[in-house]
Amino acid sequence: MAKEKFSRTKPHVNIGTIGHVDHGKTTLTSAITMVLAKSDPSILVRTFDSIDNAPEEKERGITIATAHVEYSTKNRHYAHVDCPGHADYIKNMITGAAQMDGAILVVSAADGPMPQTREHILLARQVGVPYIVVCLNKVDMVDDPELLDLVELEVRELLSIYEFPGDDVPVVRCSALKAMEGDADAQKAILDLMEAVDSYVPLPKREIDKPFLMPIEDIFSISGRGTVVTGRVERGKVKVGEEIEIVGIRDTVKRVVTGVEMFKKMLDEGQAGDNVGLLLRGTDKEEVQRGQVIAKPASITPHKKFKAEAYVLTKEEGGRHTPFFTGYRPQFYFR
């Protein structure tokens, strides 16, 4: 069956859910698709299980992989990353957060901010997530309005500590589970949340006119068609039939893009800000790896050595508690 073609009728924005484990990030993501689909039948409703679908999760019941979900409001088309909340999977959190133009911080009203709430706010600050909107979730479990006010104040103070504008950040009180169960007030709160995202997270300025560049996030094979590499286009455009270079880690190679897809729909071209899959002719899955980049030929040069000045975060800033010793090999996140 031929794939549906993607029509670019609304501006595209990348957002995602962050927050402590079991505070309701995946349930909220599912509820957003369900509520928005009531007024837009083209939106695919994503169940909790369809989002929470990495094999490892079945053992622990927690989100491990970053799941990409698509939906639209009246004004925008969104790609939504559901980020892991479990401390073991901070690496994947970084992969997801680095792609966000804004984030929805999910905090359980019953628990208030927890260790990973703080950790994810810090990570969002460090990897450059520019805007945060708060979903105060599970409000149906709290009877005392004063307690809700207290939790909201606590969240705002925490955001301010990490240099987000805590006093100005929209905080929307929700119950994702009640919305899923059909409660009208809870569903209105989900719409209010998305209105807050629409108005508070500005449309990002995309570097469409610069040479094409896309870091590789994941690789998989399609039998009979070739290898697909996925990632977010950082700058420029890529069209079907164009030659690209795969740069970094190994020797630079040239390949031809035979297909561009976003959310299982075909595109004539991918552009800065899009989360796309590129089908590459004559490429084995083993020939490419996460960490490489795909770029317009001759537009970038890889280097094995460079000089840099590094600022080491203090313990209070979320950095190291202990000193460096001889032979220490730091790990860096580059963007």
C-alpha atoms as a PDB file:
ATOM      1  CA  MET A   1       0.000   0.000   0.000  1.00  0.00           C
ATOM      2  CA  ALA A   2       1.389   3.414  -0.953  1.00  0.00           C
ATOM      3  CA  LYS A   3       2.226   5.630   1.979  1.00  0.00           C
ATOM      4  CA  GLU A   4       0.231   8.788   2.652  1.00  0.00           C
ATOM      5  CA  LYS A   5       1.956  12.029   1.707  1.00  0.00           C
ATOM      6  CA  PHE A   6       2.719  14.572   4.434  1.00  0.00           C
ATOM      7  CA  SER A   7       1.240  18.010   3.762  1.00  0.00           C
ATOM      8  CA  ARG A   8       2.988  20.904   5.484  1.00  0.00           C
ATOM      9  CA  THR A   9       0.014  23.163   6.284  1.00  0.00           C
ATOM     10  CA  LYS A  10       0.984  24.236   9.830  1.00  0.00           C
ATOM     11  CA  PRO A  11       4.272  25.242  11.468  1.00  0.00           C
ATOM     12  CA  HIS A  12       6.093  22.280  13.016  1.00  0.00           C
ATOM     13  CA  VAL A  13       7.197  22.274  16.683  1.00  0.00           C
ATOM     14  CA  ASN A  14       9.024  19.607  18.715  1.00  0.00           C
ATOM     15  CA  ILE A  15       7.932  19.153  22.323  1.00  0.00           C
ATOM     16  CA  GLY A  16       8.059  16.373  24.896  1.00  0.00           C
ATOM     17  CA  THR A  17       7.138  15.182  28.360  1.00  0.00           C
ATOM     18  CA  ILE A  18       9.694  15.142  31.169  1.00  0.00           C
ATOM     19  CA  GLY A  19       9.391  14.419  34.891  1.00  0.00           C
ATOM     20  CA  HIS A  20       9.621  11.823  37.661  1.00  0.00           C
ATOM     21  CA  VAL A  21       8.830   8.143  37.104  1.00  0.00           C
ATOM     22  CA  ASP A  22       5.107   7.290  37.473  1.00  0.00           C
ATOM     23  CA  HIS A  23       3.970  10.921  37.587  1.00  0.00           C
ATOM     24  CA  GLY A  24       1.914  10.279  34.428  1.00  0.00           C
ATOM     25  CA  LYS A  25       4.019  11.387  31.443  1.00  0.00           C
ATOM     26  CA  THR A  26       2.975   8.552  29.121  1.00  0.00           C
ATOM     27  CA  THR A  27      -0.672   8.685  30.248  1.00  0.00           C
ATOM     28  CA  LEU A  28      -0.680  12.437  29.542  1.00  0.00           C
ATOM     29  CA  THR A  29       0.827  11.896  26.079  1.00  0.00           C
ATOM     30  CA  SER A  30      -1.915   9.362  25.310  1.00  0.00           C
ATOM     31  CA  ALA A  31      -4.616  11.680  26.718  1.00  0.00           C
ATOM     32  CA  ILE A  32      -3.425  14.577  24.518  1.00  0.00           C
ATOM     33  CA  THR A  33      -3.831  12.461  21.352  1.00  0.00           C
ATOM     34  CA  MET A  34      -7.245  11.215  22.488  1.00  0.00           C
ATOM     35  CA  VAL A  35      -8.650  14.658  23.352  1.00  0.00           C
ATOM     36  CA  LEU A  36      -7.284  16.396  20.233  1.00  0.00           C
ATOM     37  CA  ALA A  37      -8.554  13.559  17.999  1.00  0.00           C
ATOM     38  CA  LYS A  38     -12.143  14.413  19.013  1.00  0.00           C
ATOM     39  CA  SER A  39     -11.960  17.588  16.916  1.00  0.00           C
ATOM     40  CA  ASP A  40      -9.441  16.295  14.334  1.00  0.00           C
ATOM     41  CA  PRO A  41     -10.120  12.735  13.101  1.00  0.00           C
ATOM     42  CA  SER A  42      -6.782  12.678  11.239  1.00  0.00           C
ATOM     43  CA  ILE A  43      -4.932  12.426  14.591  1.00  0.00           C
ATOM     44  CA  LEU A  44      -3.973   8.868  15.499  1.00  0.00           C
ATOM     45  CA  VAL A  45      -4.998   8.092  19.078  1.00  0.00           C
ATOM     46  CA  ARG A  46      -2.032   6.497  20.844  1.00  0.00           C
ATOM     47  CA  THR A  47      -2.803   4.152  23.734  1.00  0.00           C
ATOM     48  CA  PHE A  48      -0.516   3.955  26.768  1.00  0.00           C
ATOM     49  CA  ASP A  49       0.770   0.553  25.599  1.00  0.00           C
ATOM     50  CA  SER A  50       1.516   1.755  22.060  1.00  0.00           C
ATOM     51  CA  ILE A  51       3.729   4.558  23.436  1.00  0.00           C
ATOM     52  CA  ASP A  52       5.311   2.480  26.191  1.00  0.00           C
ATOM     53  CA  ASN A  53       6.442  -0.166  23.711  1.00  0.00           C
ATOM     54  CA  ALA A  54      10.190  -0.813  24.058  1.00  0.00           C
ATOM     55  CA  PRO A  55      10.815  -4.510  24.872  1.00  0.00           C
ATOM     56  CA  GLU A  56      12.680  -3.785  28.125  1.00  0.00           C
ATOM     57  CA  GLU A  57       9.679  -1.919  29.525  1.00  0.00           C
ATOM     58  CA  LYS A  58       7.536  -5.028  29.723  1.00  0.00           C
ATOM     59  CA  GLU A  59       9.712  -6.298  32.570  1.00  0.00           C
ATOM     60  CA  ARG A  60       9.645  -3.186  34.727  1.00  0.00           C
ATOM     61  CA  GLY A  61       6.565  -1.293  33.532  1.00  0.00           C
ATOM     62  CA  ILE A  62       8.534   1.917  33.012  1.00  0.00           C
ATOM     63  CA  THR A  63       9.373   3.882  29.888  1.00  0.00           C
ATOM     64  CA  ILE A  64      12.884   3.225  28.579  1.00  0.00           C
ATOM     65  CA  ALA A  65      13.005   4.265  24.935  1.00  0.00           C
ATOM     66  CA  THR A  66      12.015   7.689  23.662  1.00  0.00           C
ATOM     67  CA  ALA A  67       8.692   7.331  21.835  1.00  0.00           C
ATOM     68  CA  HIS A  68       7.724   9.795  19.080  1.00  0.00           C
ATOM     69  CA  VAL A  69       4.040  10.754  18.813  1.00  0.00           C
ATOM     70  CA  GLU A  70       2.367  13.081  16.284  1.00  0.00           C
ATOM     71  CA  TYR A  71      -0.636  15.383  16.691  1.00  0.00           C
ATOM     72  CA  SER A  72      -1.950  18.834  15.720  1.00  0.00           C
ATOM     73  CA  THR A  73      -3.684  21.749  17.406  1.00  0.00           C
ATOM     74  CA  LYS A  74      -5.562  24.430  15.440  1.00  0.00           C
ATOM     75  CA  ASN A  75      -2.355  26.381  14.954  1.00  0.00           C
ATOM     76  CA  ARG A  76       0.510  23.877  14.903  1.00  0.00           C
ATOM     77  CA  HIS A  77       1.762  20.419  14.001  1.00  0.00           C
ATOM     78  CA  TYR A  78       3.605  18.760  16.911  1.00  0.00           C
ATOM     79  CA  ALA A  79       6.133  15.969  17.178  1.00  0.00           C
ATOM     80  CA  HIS A  80       6.036  14.830  20.804  1.00  0.00           C
ATOM     81  CA  VAL A  81       8.816  12.851  22.512  1.00  0.00           C
ATOM     82  CA  ASP A  82       7.797  10.855  25.582  1.00  0.00           C
ATOM     83  CA  CYS A  83      10.998  10.860  27.646  1.00  0.00           C
ATOM     84  CA  PRO A  84      12.028   8.222  30.172  1.00  0.00           C
ATOM     85  CA  GLY A  85      11.598   9.133  33.811  1.00  0.00           C
ATOM     86  CA  HIS A  86      13.782   6.398  35.265  1.00  0.00           C
ATOM     87  CA  ALA A  87      17.229   7.351  36.575  1.00  0.00           C
ATOM     88  CA  ASP A  88      18.950   4.459  34.738  1.00  0.00           C
ATOM     89  CA  TYR A  89      18.063   5.978  31.384  1.00  0.00           C
ATOM     90  CA  ILE A  90      19.418   9.516  31.544  1.00  0.00           C
ATOM     91  CA  LYS A  91      21.292   8.941  28.258  1.00  0.00           C
ATOM     92  CA  ASN A  92      18.008   8.430  26.433  1.00  0.00           C
ATOM     93  CA  MET A  93      16.513  11.419  28.231  1.00  0.00           C
ATOM     94  CA  ILE A  94      19.311  13.515  26.729  1.00  0.00           C
ATOM     95  CA  THR A  95      18.633  12.091  23.249  1.00  0.00           C
ATOM     96  CA  GLY A  96      14.988  13.095  23.583  1.00  0.00           C
ATOM     97  CA  ALA A  97      15.454  16.428  25.318  1.00  0.00           C
ATOM     98  CA  ALA A  98      18.018  17.657  22.811  1.00  0.00           C
ATOM     99  CA  GLN A  99      15.290  17.592  20.154  1.00  0.00           C
ATOM    100  CA  MET A 100      12.757  19.715  22.041  1.00  0.00           C
ATOM    101  CA  ASP A 101      11.693  23.280  21.264  1.00  0.00           C
ATOM    102  CA  GLY A 102       9.796  23.166  24.562  1.00  0.00           C
ATOM    103  CA  ALA A 103       8.882  20.630  27.254  1.00  0.00           C
ATOM    104  CA  ILE A 104       5.844  19.700  29.313  1.00  0.00           C
ATOM    105  CA  LEU A 105       7.042  19.029  32.867  1.00  0.00           C
ATOM    106  CA  VAL A 106       4.669  16.527  34.478  1.00  0.00           C
ATOM    107  CA  VAL A 107       4.458  16.681  38.287  1.00  0.00           C
ATOM    108  CA  SER A 108       2.077  14.561  40.349  1.00  0.00           C
ATOM    109  CA  ALA A 109      -0.035  16.819  42.565  1.00  0.00           C
ATOM    110  CA  ALA A 110      -0.202  13.956  45.059  1.00  0.00           C
ATOM    111  CA  ASP A 111       3.599  13.655  45.402  1.00  0.00           C
ATOM    112  CA  GLY A 112       4.957  17.084  44.489  1.00  0.00           C
ATOM    113  CA  PRO A 113       8.448  17.493  42.976  1.00  0.00           C
ATOM    114  CA  MET A 114      10.601  14.357  43.378  1.00  0.00           C
ATOM    115  CA  PRO A 115      14.335  13.641  42.739  1.00  0.00           C
ATOM    116  CA  GLN A 116      13.928  13.018  39.006  1.00  0.00           C
ATOM    117  CA  THR A 117      11.751  16.144  38.672  1.00  0.00           C
ATOM    118  CA  ARG A 118      14.796  18.142  39.741  1.00  0.00           C
ATOM    119  CA  GLU A 119      17.116  15.985  37.605  1.00  0.00           C
ATOM    120  CA  HIS A 120      15.043  16.484  34.450  1.00  0.00           C
ATOM    121  CA  ILE A 121      14.731  20.252  34.971  1.00  0.00           C
ATOM    122  CA  LEU A 122      18.524  20.420  35.326  1.00  0.00           C
ATOM    123  CA  LEU A 123      18.998  18.271  32.205  1.00  0.00           C
ATOM    124  CA  ALA A 124      16.547  20.455  30.287  1.00  0.00           C
ATOM    125  CA  ARG A 125      18.611  23.486  31.291  1.00  0.00           C
ATOM    126  CA  GLN A 126      21.921  21.803  30.374  1.00  0.00           C
ATOM    127  CA  VAL A 127      20.865  20.506  26.942  1.00  0.00           C
ATOM    128  CA  GLY A 128      19.163  23.759  26.014  1.00  0.00           C
ATOM    129  CA  VAL A 129      15.398  23.142  26.220  1.00  0.00           C
ATOM    130  CA  PRO A 130      14.285  26.795  26.033  1.00  0.00           C
ATOM    131  CA  TYR A 131      10.706  26.696  27.406  1.00  0.00           C
ATOM    132  CA  ILE A 132       8.811  24.614  29.978  1.00  0.00           C
ATOM    133  CA  VAL A 133       5.048  24.367  30.566  1.00  0.00           C
ATOM    134  CA  VAL A 134       3.936  22.517  33.724  1.00  0.00           C
ATOM    135  CA  CYS A 135       1.186  19.904  33.909  1.00  0.00           C
ATOM    136  CA  LEU A 136       0.211  19.454  37.557  1.00  0.00           C
ATOM    137  CA  ASN A 137      -1.173  15.944  37.085  1.00  0.00           C
ATOM    138  CA  LYS A 138      -3.347  13.629  39.222  1.00  0.00           C
ATOM    139  CA  VAL A 139      -5.259  16.565  40.757  1.00  0.00           C
ATOM    140  CA  ASP A 140      -8.199  14.171  41.251  1.00  0.00           C
ATOM    141  CA  MET A 141      -6.164  12.533  44.037  1.00  0.00           C
ATOM    142  CA  VAL A 142      -5.878  15.777  46.055  1.00  0.00           C
ATOM    143  CA  ASP A 143      -8.960  17.141  47.846  1.00  0.00           C
ATOM    144  CA  ASP A 144      -7.335  20.171  49.474  1.00  0.00           C
ATOM    145  CA  PRO A 145      -7.025  23.214  47.117  1.00  0.00           C
ATOM    146  CA  GLU A 146      -4.407  24.751  49.442  1.00  0.00           C
ATOM    147  CA  LEU A 147      -2.231  21.673  48.994  1.00  0.00           C
ATOM    148  CA  LEU A 148      -2.439  22.117  45.203  1.00  0.00           C
ATOM    149  CA  ASP A 149      -1.378  25.759  45.609  1.00  0.00           C
ATOM    150  CA  LEU A 150       1.549  24.631  47.760  1.00  0.00           C
ATOM    151  CA  VAL A 151       2.728  22.051  45.209  1.00  0.00           C
ATOM    152  CA  GLU A 152       2.436  24.627  42.400  1.00  0.00           C
ATOM    153  CA  LEU A 153       4.523  27.098  44.424  1.00  0.00           C
ATOM    154  CA  GLU A 154       7.128  24.393  45.052  1.00  0.00           C
ATOM    155  CA  VAL A 155       7.370  23.623  41.313  1.00  0.00           C
ATOM    156  CA  ARG A 156       7.708  27.319  40.426  1.00  0.00           C
ATOM    157  CA  GLU A 157      10.501  27.759  43.000  1.00  0.00           C
ATOM    158  CA  LEU A 158      12.312  24.693  41.650  1.00  0.00           C
ATOM    159  CA  LEU A 159      12.137  26.040  38.089  1.00  0.00           C
ATOM    160  CA  SER A 160      13.503  29.389  39.268  1.00  0.00           C
ATOM    161  CA  ILE A 161      16.468  27.650  40.958  1.00  0.00           C
ATOM    162  CA  TYR A 162      17.453  26.252  37.547  1.00  0.00           C
ATOM    163  CA  GLU A 163      17.058  29.633  35.817  1.00  0.00           C
ATOM    164  CA  PHE A 164      13.679  29.046  34.195  1.00  0.00           C
ATOM    165  CA  PRO A 165      11.184  31.911  34.768  1.00  0.00           C
ATOM    166  CA  GLY A 166       9.276  30.116  37.537  1.00  0.00           C
ATOM    167  CA  ASP A 167       6.863  33.003  38.149  1.00  0.00           C
ATOM    168  CA  ASP A 168       5.830  33.194  34.476  1.00  0.00           C
ATOM    169  CA  VAL A 169       5.721  29.513  33.470  1.00  0.00           C
ATOM    170  CA  PRO A 170       2.139  28.326  32.782  1.00  0.00           C
ATOM    171  CA  VAL A 171       0.973  25.689  35.290  1.00  0.00           C
ATOM    172  CA  VAL A 172      -2.138  23.756  34.216  1.00  0.00           C
ATOM    173  CA  ARG A 173      -3.910  21.435  36.655  1.00  0.00           C
ATOM    174  CA  CYS A 174      -4.849  18.160  34.966  1.00  0.00           C
ATOM    175  CA  SER A 175      -5.899  14.587  35.467  1.00  0.00           C
ATOM    176  CA  ALA A 176      -4.704  12.658  32.427  1.00  0.00           C
ATOM    177  CA  LEU A 177      -6.355   9.464  33.665  1.00  0.00           C
ATOM    178  CA  LYS A 178      -9.750  11.144  34.177  1.00  0.00           C
ATOM    179  CA  ALA A 179      -9.448  12.663  30.686  1.00  0.00           C
ATOM    180  CA  MET A 180      -8.849   9.163  29.285  1.00  0.00           C
ATOM    181  CA  GLU A 181     -11.952   7.976  31.150  1.00  0.00           C
ATOM    182  CA  GLY A 182     -14.072  10.650  29.428  1.00  0.00           C
ATOM    183  CA  ASP A 183     -14.442  13.250  32.207  1.00  0.00           C
ATOM    184  CA  ALA A 184     -15.429  16.523  30.465  1.00  0.00           C
ATOM    185  CA  ASP A 185     -13.619  18.861  32.898  1.00  0.00           C
ATOM    186  CA  ALA A 186     -10.449  16.774  32.721  1.00  0.00           C
ATOM    187  CA  GLN A 187     -10.574  16.826  28.909  1.00  0.00           C
ATOM    188  CA  LYS A 188     -10.997  20.616  28.931  1.00  0.00           C
ATOM    189  CA  ALA A 189      -7.878  20.840  31.140  1.00  0.00           C
ATOM    190  CA  ILE A 190      -5.925  18.907  28.466  1.00  0.00           C
ATOM    191  CA  LEU A 191      -7.098  21.442  25.849  1.00  0.00           C
ATOM    192  CA  ASP A 192      -6.073  24.263  28.226  1.00  0.00           C
ATOM    193  CA  LEU A 193      -2.642  22.651  28.550  1.00  0.00           C
ATOM    194  CA  MET A 194      -2.178  22.534  24.770  1.00  0.00           C
ATOM    195  CA  GLU A 195      -3.380  26.148  24.458  1.00  0.00           C
ATOM    196  CA  ALA A 196      -0.683  27.064  26.998  1.00  0.00           C
ATOM    197  CA  VAL A 197       1.918  25.188  24.926  1.00  0.00           C
ATOM    198  CA  ASP A 198       0.674  26.907  21.736  1.00  0.00           C
ATOM    199  CA  SER A 199       0.933  30.378  23.258  1.00  0.00           C
ATOM    200  CA  TYR A 200       3.936  30.056  25.608  1.00  0.00           C
ATOM    201  CA  VAL A 201       6.369  28.056  23.438  1.00  0.00           C
ATOM    202  CA  PRO A 202       7.236  30.367  20.510  1.00  0.00           C
ATOM    203  CA  LEU A 203       7.760  29.128  16.972  1.00  0.00           C
ATOM    204  CA  PRO A 204      11.489  28.412  16.752  1.00  0.00           C
ATOM    205  CA  LYS A 205      13.635  30.090  14.113  1.00  0.00           C
ATOM    206  CA  ARG A 206      14.780  27.302  11.777  1.00  0.00           C
ATOM    207  CA  GLU A 207      18.081  27.483   9.895  1.00  0.00           C
ATOM    208  CA  ILE A 208      16.540  26.381   6.612  1.00  0.00           C
ATOM    209  CA  ASP A 209      18.934  28.336   4.374  1.00  0.00           C
ATOM    210  CA  LYS A 210      22.134  26.741   5.740  1.00  0.00           C
ATOM    211  CA  PRO A 211      23.770  23.530   4.394  1.00  0.00           C
ATOM    212  CA  PHE A 212      21.928  20.329   5.381  1.00  0.00           C
ATOM    213  CA  LEU A 213      22.987  18.661   8.659  1.00  0.00           C
ATOM    214  CA  MET A 214      21.337  15.874  10.678  1.00  0.00           C
ATOM    215  CA  PRO A 215      22.843  13.913  13.600  1.00  0.00           C
ATOM    216  CA  ILE A 216      21.945  10.199  13.469  1.00  0.00           C
ATOM    217  CA  GLU A 217      19.742   9.129  16.381  1.00  0.00           C
ATOM    218  CA  ASP A 218      18.773   5.606  15.294  1.00  0.00           C
ATOM    219  CA  ILE A 219      19.245   3.114  12.444  1.00  0.00           C
ATOM    220  CA  PHE A 220      17.056   0.265  11.209  1.00  0.00           C
ATOM    221  CA  SER A 221      16.664  -1.899   8.116  1.00  0.00           C
ATOM    222  CA  ILE A 222      13.629  -2.295   5.872  1.00  0.00           C
ATOM    223  CA  SER A 223      13.808  -5.586   4.007  1.00  0.00           C
ATOM    224  CA  GLY A 224      13.980  -5.069   0.263  1.00  0.00           C
ATOM    225  CA  ARG A 225      14.375  -1.281   0.556  1.00  0.00           C
ATOM    226  CA  GLY A 226      17.574  -0.573   2.465  1.00  0.00           C
ATOM    227  CA  THR A 227      18.669   1.218   5.615  1.00  0.00           C
ATOM    228  CA  VAL A 228      16.780   4.040   7.310  1.00  0.00           C
ATOM    229  CA  VAL A 229      18.543   6.550   9.570  1.00  0.00           C
ATOM    230  CA  THR A 230      16.453   8.756  11.826  1.00  0.00           C
ATOM    231  CA  GLY A 231      17.082  12.054  13.579  1.00  0.00           C
ATOM    232  CA  ARG A 232      16.120  15.688  13.763  1.00  0.00           C
ATOM    233  CA  VAL A 233      17.279  17.899  10.913  1.00  0.00           C
ATOM    234  CA  GLU A 234      19.405  20.568  12.607  1.00  0.00           C
ATOM    235  CA  ARG A 235      19.687  22.858   9.596  1.00  0.00           C
ATOM    236  CA  GLY A 236      19.012  23.095   5.876  1.00  0.00           C
ATOM    237  CA  LYS A 237      16.882  20.835   3.683  1.00  0.00           C
ATOM    238  CA  VAL A 238      17.242  17.364   2.198  1.00  0.00           C
ATOM    239  CA  LYS A 239      15.364  16.215  -0.913  1.00  0.00           C
ATOM    240  CA  VAL A 240      14.718  12.775  -2.369  1.00  0.00           C
ATOM    241  CA  GLY A 241      17.445  11.944  -4.911  1.00  0.00           C
ATOM    242  CA  GLU A 242      20.087  14.186  -3.337  1.00  0.00           C
ATOM    243  CA  GLU A 243      23.592  12.998  -2.527  1.00  0.00           C
ATOM    244  CA  ILE A 244      24.687  13.287   1.115  1.00  0.00           C
ATOM    245  CA  GLU A 245      27.782  12.463   3.167  1.00  0.00           C
ATOM    246  CA  ILE A 246      27.901  10.305   6.304  1.00  0.00           C
ATOM    247  CA  VAL A 247      30.557  11.939   8.485  1.00  0.00           C
ATOM    248  CA  GLY A 248      32.304  11.096  11.746  1.00  0.00           C
ATOM    249  CA  ILE A 249      33.767   8.092  13.621  1.00  0.00           C
ATOM    250  CA  ARG A 250      34.529   6.228  10.361  1.00  0.00           C
ATOM    251  CA  ASP A 251      35.739   7.295   6.925  1.00  0.00           C
ATOM    252  CA  THR A 252      33.376   9.753   5.229  1.00  0.00           C
ATOM    253  CA  VAL A 253      31.166   8.092   2.583  1.00  0.00           C
ATOM    254  CA  LYS A 254      28.695   9.464   0.026  1.00  0.00           C
ATOM    255  CA  ARG A 255      25.192   8.021  -0.393  1.00  0.00           C
ATOM    256  CA  VAL A 256      21.947   8.953  -2.186  1.00  0.00           C
ATOM    257  CA  VAL A 257      18.717   9.646  -0.285  1.00  0.00           C
ATOM    258  CA  THR A 258      15.978   7.535  -1.889  1.00  0.00           C
ATOM    259  CA  GLY A 259      13.193   8.417   0.539  1.00  0.00           C
ATOM    260  CA  VAL A 260      12.256  10.934   3.247  1.00  0.00           C
ATOM    261  CA  GLU A 261       9.562  10.044   5.799  1.00  0.00           C
ATOM    262  CA  MET A 262       8.016  11.637   8.878  1.00  0.00           C
ATOM    263  CA  PHE A 263       5.543   9.669  11.000  1.00  0.00           C
ATOM    264  CA  LYS A 264       5.136   7.045   8.244  1.00  0.00           C
ATOM    265  CA  LYS A 265       4.183   9.699   5.685  1.00  0.00           C
ATOM    266  CA  MET A 266       6.278  10.493   2.612  1.00  0.00           C
ATOM    267  CA  LEU A 267       7.927  13.898   2.188  1.00  0.00           C
ATOM    268  CA  ASP A 268       9.426  15.513  -0.911  1.00  0.00           C
ATOM    269  CA  GLU A 269      11.943  17.141   1.413  1.00  0.00           C
ATOM    270  CA  GLY A 270      12.849  17.264   5.083  1.00  0.00           C
ATOM    271  CA  GLN A 271      13.795  20.601   6.594  1.00  0.00           C
ATOM    272  CA  ALA A 272      15.308  22.019   9.781  1.00  0.00           C
ATOM    273  CA  GLY A 273      13.237  21.003  12.806  1.00  0.00           C
ATOM    274  CA  ASP A 274      11.702  17.877  11.231  1.00  0.00           C
ATOM    275  CA  ASN A 275      12.128  14.463  12.873  1.00  0.00           C
ATOM    276  CA  VAL A 276      12.676  12.342   9.772  1.00  0.00           C
ATOM    277  CA  GLY A 277      13.762   8.948   8.543  1.00  0.00           C
ATOM    278  CA  LEU A 278      16.077   8.958   5.515  1.00  0.00           C
ATOM    279  CA  LEU A 279      16.217   5.888   3.300  1.00  0.00           C
ATOM    280  CA  LEU A 280      19.782   5.488   2.022  1.00  0.00           C
ATOM    281  CA  ARG A 281      20.637   3.529  -1.107  1.00  0.00           C
ATOM    282  CA  GLY A 282      23.432   0.929  -0.877  1.00  0.00           C
ATOM    283  CA  THR A 283      23.975   1.206   2.867  1.00  0.00           C
ATOM    284  CA  ASP A 284      24.135  -1.689   5.335  1.00  0.00           C
ATOM    285  CA  LYS A 285      22.836  -1.146   8.861  1.00  0.00           C
ATOM    286  CA  GLU A 286      26.307  -2.001  10.199  1.00  0.00           C
ATOM    287  CA  GLU A 287      27.941   0.801   8.171  1.00  0.00           C
ATOM    288  CA  VAL A 288      26.318   3.640  10.125  1.00  0.00           C
ATOM    289  CA  GLN A 289      25.990   4.337  13.837  1.00  0.00           C
ATOM    290  CA  ARG A 290      24.515   6.766  16.314  1.00  0.00           C
ATOM    291  CA  GLY A 291      26.859   9.715  16.775  1.00  0.00           C
ATOM    292  CA  GLN A 292      27.616  10.139  13.085  1.00  0.00           C
ATOM    293  CA  VAL A 293      26.065  13.010  11.152  1.00  0.00           C
ATOM    294  CA  ILE A 294      24.559  13.237   7.679  1.00  0.00           C
ATOM    295  CA  ALA A 295      25.429  16.409   5.806  1.00  0.00           C
ATOM    296  CA  LYS A 296      25.552  18.144   2.452  1.00  0.00           C
ATOM    297  CA  PRO A 297      28.736  16.949   0.684  1.00  0.00           C
ATOM    298  CA  ALA A 298      31.870  18.953   1.563  1.00  0.00           C
ATOM    299  CA  SER A 299      29.967  21.169   4.022  1.00  0.00           C
ATOM    300  CA  ILE A 300      31.624  19.893   7.221  1.00  0.00           C
ATOM    301  CA  THR A 301      35.048  18.513   8.145  1.00  0.00           C
ATOM    302  CA  PRO A 302      35.478  15.956  10.946  1.00  0.00           C
ATOM    303  CA  HIS A 303      38.324  16.459  13.433  1.00  0.00           C
ATOM    304  CA  LYS A 304      39.999  13.979  15.775  1.00  0.00           C
ATOM    305  CA  LYS A 305      41.549  16.616  18.026  1.00  0.00           C
ATOM    306  CA  PHE A 306      40.482  20.028  19.210  1.00  0.00           C
ATOM    307  CA  LYS A 307      41.257  22.462  22.009  1.00  0.00           C
ATOM    308  CA  ALA A 308      38.478  23.573  24.307  1.00  0.00           C
ATOM    309  CA  GLU A 309      37.882  25.422  27.522  1.00  0.00           C
ATOM    310  CA  ALA A 310      35.485  23.585  29.838  1.00  0.00           C
ATOM    311  CA  TYR A 311      33.505  24.902  32.787  1.00  0.00           C
ATOM    312  CA  VAL A 312      32.969  22.158  35.377  1.00  0.00           C
ATOM    313  CA  LEU A 313      29.633  22.425  37.163  1.00  0.00           C
ATOM    314  CA  THR A 314      29.769  22.625  40.947  1.00  0.00           C
ATOM    315  CA  LYS A 315      27.916  20.173  43.179  1.00  0.00           C
ATOM    316  CA  GLU A 316      25.228  22.836  43.730  1.00  0.00           C
ATOM    317  CA  GLU A 317      24.785  23.232  39.968  1.00  0.00           C
ATOM    318  CA  GLY A 318      24.199  19.502  39.539  1.00  0.00           C
ATOM    319  CA  GLY A 319      27.835  18.676  38.765  1.00  0.00           C
ATOM    320  CA  ARG A 320      30.477  16.477  40.397  1.00  0.00           C
ATOM    321  CA  HIS A 321      30.699  15.828  44.126  1.00  0.00           C
ATOM    322  CA  THR A 322      34.297  14.545  43.913  1.00  0.00           C
ATOM    323  CA  PRO A 323      37.528  15.866  42.361  1.00  0.00           C
ATOM    324  CA  PHE A 324      39.125  14.669  39.102  1.00  0.00           C
ATOM    325  CA  PHE A 325      42.039  12.241  39.422  1.00  0.00           C
ATOM    326  CA  THR A 326      44.816  11.350  36.967  1.00  0.00           C
ATOM    327  CA  GLY A 327      43.484   9.152  34.178  1.00  0.00           C
ATOM    328  CA  TYR A 328      39.879  10.353  34.527  1.00  0.00           C
ATOM    329  CA  ARG A 329      38.054  10.094  31.188  1.00  0.00           C
ATOM    330  CA  PRO A 330      35.126  12.505  31.056  1.00  0.00           C
ATOM    331  CA  GLN A 331      32.094  11.896  28.838  1.00  0.00           C
ATOM    332  CA  PHE A 332      30.814  14.860  26.860  1.00  0.00           C
ATOM    333  CA  TYR A 333      27.494  15.657  25.275  1.00  0.00           C
ATOM    334  CA  PHE A 334      27.987  17.756  22.137  1.00  0.00           C
ATOM    335  CA  ARG A 335      25.416  19.631  20.138  1.00  0.00           C
END
